Amino acid sequence: MPYLGGLGLDKDDLIQALGLSFTVSTLALAASGAFALGDAGASTAALAPALLGMAAGGAVRGRFSEQAFRRIFFIGSLVLGANLASRALM
């Protein structure tokens, strides 16, 4: 994610590249057997909120300038990274 953010893509291309990256990584995990068949129900249940989030994100993304979007994107990435790091230390 930081690599894609550092490529200097505009906000729509960045979101598309991230979506493709997450899709390919999810398919790779599924192909490697990392997901159990029993997880399909939980994944399907999470699909509706994810689609609603995508729609809301698309609407909000159009209201921000390129610079504001980048700032929010990198701050969000920093918060997510700090959360992961704090959980790893526990």
N, C-alpha and C. Protein backbone atom coordinates (compact mmCIF):
# COMPACT_ATOMS: atom_id res chain seq x y z
N MET A 1 0.80 -1.18 0.00
CA MET A 1 0.00 0.00 0.00
C MET A 1 0.86 1.26 0.00
N PRO A 2 1.91 1.35 0.81
CA PRO A 2 2.74 2.56 0.75
C PRO A 2 3.42 2.72 -0.62
N TYR A 3 3.80 1.61 -1.22
CA TYR A 3 4.43 1.68 -2.55
C TYR A 3 3.46 2.29 -3.56
N LEU A 4 2.23 1.79 -3.58
CA LEU A 4 1.24 2.32 -4.51
C LEU A 4 0.95 3.79 -4.23
N GLY A 5 0.93 4.16 -2.95
CA GLY A 5 0.72 5.55 -2.60
C GLY A 5 1.86 6.44 -3.04
N GLY A 6 3.06 5.90 -3.07
CA GLY A 6 4.23 6.68 -3.47
C GLY A 6 4.44 6.78 -4.97
N LEU A 7 3.64 6.10 -5.75
CA LEU A 7 3.80 6.14 -7.20
C LEU A 7 3.33 7.44 -7.83
N GLY A 8 2.59 8.24 -7.07
CA GLY A 8 2.10 9.51 -7.60
C GLY A 8 0.88 9.37 -8.50
N LEU A 9 0.12 8.29 -8.33
CA LEU A 9 -1.11 8.11 -9.10
C LEU A 9 -2.16 9.10 -8.64
N ASP A 10 -3.07 9.48 -9.54
CA ASP A 10 -4.17 10.33 -9.08
C ASP A 10 -5.10 9.48 -8.22
N LYS A 11 -6.02 10.13 -7.51
CA LYS A 11 -6.79 9.43 -6.49
C LYS A 11 -7.63 8.28 -7.04
N ASP A 12 -8.21 8.43 -8.21
CA ASP A 12 -9.01 7.34 -8.77
C ASP A 12 -8.15 6.16 -9.20
N ASP A 13 -6.99 6.45 -9.80
CA ASP A 13 -6.07 5.37 -10.19
C ASP A 13 -5.49 4.66 -8.97
N LEU A 14 -5.22 5.43 -7.90
CA LEU A 14 -4.70 4.84 -6.68
C LEU A 14 -5.71 3.87 -6.07
N ILE A 15 -6.97 4.27 -6.00
CA ILE A 15 -8.01 3.40 -5.45
C ILE A 15 -8.17 2.15 -6.31
N GLN A 16 -8.11 2.31 -7.63
CA GLN A 16 -8.22 1.16 -8.52
C GLN A 16 -7.03 0.21 -8.34
N ALA A 17 -5.82 0.75 -8.22
CA ALA A 17 -4.64 -0.08 -8.02
C ALA A 17 -4.71 -0.82 -6.68
N LEU A 18 -5.18 -0.15 -5.64
CA LEU A 18 -5.32 -0.80 -4.34
C LEU A 18 -6.36 -1.92 -4.41
N GLY A 19 -7.47 -1.67 -5.08
CA GLY A 19 -8.49 -2.70 -5.22
C GLY A 19 -7.97 -3.93 -5.95
N LEU A 20 -7.22 -3.70 -7.02
CA LEU A 20 -6.63 -4.83 -7.75
C LEU A 20 -5.63 -5.58 -6.89
N SER A 21 -4.83 -4.85 -6.15
CA SER A 21 -3.83 -5.48 -5.27
C SER A 21 -4.50 -6.33 -4.21
N PHE A 22 -5.55 -5.79 -3.57
CA PHE A 22 -6.24 -6.56 -2.54
C PHE A 22 -6.95 -7.78 -3.13
N THR A 23 -7.50 -7.64 -4.32
CA THR A 23 -8.18 -8.77 -4.97
C THR A 23 -7.19 -9.88 -5.30
N VAL A 24 -6.06 -9.52 -5.88
CA VAL A 24 -5.06 -10.53 -6.24
C VAL A 24 -4.51 -11.21 -4.99
N SER A 25 -4.25 -10.44 -3.94
CA SER A 25 -3.71 -11.06 -2.72
C SER A 25 -4.74 -11.98 -2.07
N THR A 26 -6.02 -11.61 -2.12
CA THR A 26 -7.06 -12.48 -1.57
C THR A 26 -7.18 -13.77 -2.37
N LEU A 27 -7.12 -13.65 -3.69
CA LEU A 27 -7.17 -14.86 -4.53
C LEU A 27 -5.95 -15.75 -4.29
N ALA A 28 -4.78 -15.15 -4.09
CA ALA A 28 -3.58 -15.94 -3.81
C ALA A 28 -3.71 -16.67 -2.48
N LEU A 29 -4.26 -16.01 -1.48
CA LEU A 29 -4.47 -16.68 -0.19
C LEU A 29 -5.48 -17.82 -0.32
N ALA A 30 -6.53 -17.59 -1.09
CA ALA A 30 -7.53 -18.64 -1.29
C ALA A 30 -6.93 -19.83 -2.03
N ALA A 31 -6.10 -19.56 -3.03
CA ALA A 31 -5.49 -20.64 -3.81
C ALA A 31 -4.49 -21.43 -2.98
N SER A 32 -3.87 -20.79 -1.99
CA SER A 32 -2.88 -21.48 -1.16
C SER A 32 -3.52 -22.30 -0.05
N GLY A 33 -4.85 -22.20 0.09
CA GLY A 33 -5.54 -22.97 1.12
C GLY A 33 -5.61 -22.26 2.45
N ALA A 34 -5.32 -20.97 2.48
CA ALA A 34 -5.33 -20.22 3.74
C ALA A 34 -6.75 -19.98 4.25
N PHE A 35 -7.74 -20.09 3.39
CA PHE A 35 -9.13 -19.91 3.80
C PHE A 35 -9.82 -21.26 3.87
N ALA A 36 -10.59 -21.45 4.93
CA ALA A 36 -11.37 -22.66 5.08
C ALA A 36 -12.73 -22.45 4.42
N LEU A 37 -13.34 -23.50 3.96
CA LEU A 37 -14.63 -23.41 3.31
C LEU A 37 -15.69 -22.85 4.26
N GLY A 38 -15.55 -23.08 5.54
CA GLY A 38 -16.49 -22.56 6.53
C GLY A 38 -16.44 -21.05 6.65
N ASP A 39 -15.38 -20.42 6.16
CA ASP A 39 -15.26 -18.96 6.21
C ASP A 39 -16.08 -18.28 5.12
N ALA A 40 -16.64 -19.04 4.21
CA ALA A 40 -17.40 -18.45 3.10
C ALA A 40 -18.63 -17.70 3.59
N GLY A 41 -19.28 -18.20 4.62
CA GLY A 41 -20.47 -17.53 5.16
C GLY A 41 -20.13 -16.17 5.75
N ALA A 42 -19.06 -16.13 6.54
CA ALA A 42 -18.65 -14.86 7.14
C ALA A 42 -18.19 -13.88 6.07
N SER A 43 -17.52 -14.38 5.05
CA SER A 43 -17.08 -13.51 3.96
C SER A 43 -18.27 -12.96 3.19
N THR A 44 -19.26 -13.78 2.97
CA THR A 44 -20.45 -13.33 2.26
C THR A 44 -21.21 -12.30 3.10
N ALA A 45 -21.27 -12.51 4.40
CA ALA A 45 -21.96 -11.55 5.28
C ALA A 45 -21.23 -10.21 5.31
N ALA A 46 -19.92 -10.22 5.14
CA ALA A 46 -19.15 -8.98 5.15
C ALA A 46 -19.20 -8.25 3.82
N LEU A 47 -19.75 -8.88 2.81
CA LEU A 47 -19.80 -8.28 1.49
C LEU A 47 -20.70 -7.04 1.42
N ALA A 48 -21.87 -7.10 2.05
CA ALA A 48 -22.79 -5.96 2.02
C ALA A 48 -22.20 -4.71 2.65
N PRO A 49 -21.63 -4.78 3.86
CA PRO A 49 -21.02 -3.57 4.42
C PRO A 49 -19.83 -3.08 3.60
N ALA A 50 -19.10 -4.00 3.00
CA ALA A 50 -17.97 -3.58 2.16
C ALA A 50 -18.44 -2.82 0.94
N LEU A 51 -19.51 -3.29 0.31
CA LEU A 51 -20.05 -2.59 -0.85
C LEU A 51 -20.63 -1.23 -0.47
N LEU A 52 -21.28 -1.14 0.68
CA LEU A 52 -21.77 0.15 1.16
C LEU A 52 -20.61 1.11 1.43
N GLY A 53 -19.54 0.58 2.00
CA GLY A 53 -18.35 1.40 2.25
C GLY A 53 -17.71 1.89 0.97
N MET A 54 -17.71 1.03 -0.04
CA MET A 54 -17.17 1.45 -1.35
C MET A 54 -17.99 2.57 -1.95
N ALA A 55 -19.30 2.47 -1.86
CA ALA A 55 -20.18 3.51 -2.40
C ALA A 55 -19.98 4.82 -1.63
N ALA A 56 -19.92 4.74 -0.31
CA ALA A 56 -19.72 5.94 0.50
C ALA A 56 -18.34 6.55 0.22
N GLY A 57 -17.33 5.71 0.10
CA GLY A 57 -15.99 6.20 -0.20
C GLY A 57 -15.91 6.89 -1.54
N GLY A 58 -16.61 6.35 -2.53
CA GLY A 58 -16.62 6.98 -3.85
C GLY A 58 -17.28 8.34 -3.81
N ALA A 59 -18.35 8.46 -3.03
CA ALA A 59 -19.03 9.75 -2.92
C ALA A 59 -18.16 10.77 -2.18
N VAL A 60 -17.51 10.34 -1.13
CA VAL A 60 -16.66 11.24 -0.35
C VAL A 60 -15.40 11.60 -1.12
N ARG A 61 -14.82 10.64 -1.82
CA ARG A 61 -13.57 10.87 -2.55
C ARG A 61 -13.72 11.99 -3.59
N GLY A 62 -14.89 12.09 -4.21
CA GLY A 62 -15.13 13.12 -5.20
C GLY A 62 -15.16 14.52 -4.64
N ARG A 63 -15.34 14.65 -3.35
CA ARG A 63 -15.44 15.97 -2.72
C ARG A 63 -14.10 16.53 -2.27
N PHE A 64 -13.06 15.71 -2.25
CA PHE A 64 -11.76 16.16 -1.77
C PHE A 64 -10.85 16.50 -2.94
N SER A 65 -10.01 17.48 -2.73
CA SER A 65 -8.98 17.79 -3.72
C SER A 65 -7.94 16.68 -3.70
N GLU A 66 -7.11 16.66 -4.72
CA GLU A 66 -6.05 15.64 -4.81
C GLU A 66 -5.13 15.70 -3.58
N GLN A 67 -4.74 16.91 -3.20
CA GLN A 67 -3.81 17.07 -2.06
C GLN A 67 -4.47 16.63 -0.75
N ALA A 68 -5.71 17.02 -0.54
CA ALA A 68 -6.41 16.62 0.69
C ALA A 68 -6.61 15.11 0.73
N PHE A 69 -6.93 14.51 -0.41
CA PHE A 69 -7.11 13.06 -0.47
C PHE A 69 -5.81 12.35 -0.10
N ARG A 70 -4.68 12.81 -0.64
CA ARG A 70 -3.39 12.19 -0.32
C ARG A 70 -3.08 12.31 1.17
N ARG A 71 -3.34 13.47 1.73
CA ARG A 71 -3.07 13.67 3.15
C ARG A 71 -3.92 12.71 3.98
N ILE A 72 -5.20 12.61 3.68
CA ILE A 72 -6.09 11.71 4.41
C ILE A 72 -5.67 10.26 4.20
N PHE A 73 -5.30 9.91 2.98
CA PHE A 73 -4.87 8.55 2.68
C PHE A 73 -3.65 8.16 3.50
N PHE A 74 -2.64 9.03 3.53
CA PHE A 74 -1.42 8.69 4.26
C PHE A 74 -1.61 8.73 5.77
N ILE A 75 -2.46 9.62 6.26
CA ILE A 75 -2.76 9.63 7.69
C ILE A 75 -3.50 8.34 8.07
N GLY A 76 -4.45 7.93 7.24
CA GLY A 76 -5.15 6.67 7.49
C GLY A 76 -4.21 5.48 7.45
N SER A 77 -3.28 5.49 6.52
CA SER A 77 -2.29 4.41 6.43
C SER A 77 -1.41 4.38 7.69
N LEU A 78 -1.04 5.56 8.17
CA LEU A 78 -0.22 5.65 9.38
C LEU A 78 -0.99 5.12 10.59
N VAL A 79 -2.26 5.46 10.70
CA VAL A 79 -3.08 4.99 11.81
C VAL A 79 -3.22 3.46 11.75
N LEU A 80 -3.50 2.93 10.57
CA LEU A 80 -3.61 1.47 10.43
C LEU A 80 -2.29 0.77 10.76
N GLY A 81 -1.19 1.31 10.29
CA GLY A 81 0.12 0.73 10.59
C GLY A 81 0.44 0.78 12.07
N ALA A 82 0.12 1.90 12.73
CA ALA A 82 0.36 2.01 14.17
C ALA A 82 -0.49 1.01 14.94
N ASN A 83 -1.72 0.81 14.49
CA ASN A 83 -2.60 -0.17 15.13
C ASN A 83 -2.01 -1.58 15.00
N LEU A 84 -1.57 -1.92 13.80
CA LEU A 84 -0.96 -3.25 13.60
C LEU A 84 0.30 -3.42 14.43
N ALA A 85 1.12 -2.38 14.49
CA ALA A 85 2.35 -2.45 15.28
C ALA A 85 2.05 -2.60 16.77
N SER A 86 1.06 -1.88 17.27
CA SER A 86 0.72 -1.97 18.67
C SER A 86 0.18 -3.36 19.02
N ARG A 87 -0.58 -3.95 18.10
CA ARG A 87 -1.10 -5.30 18.36
C ARG A 87 0.01 -6.35 18.31
N ALA A 88 1.01 -6.11 17.47
CA ALA A 88 2.13 -7.05 17.37
C ALA A 88 2.97 -7.03 18.65
N LEU A 89 3.00 -5.90 19.32
CA LEU A 89 3.81 -5.78 20.53
C LEU A 89 3.12 -6.35 21.76
N MET A 90 1.81 -6.59 21.66
CA MET A 90 1.06 -7.10 22.82
C MET A 90 1.21 -8.58 22.94
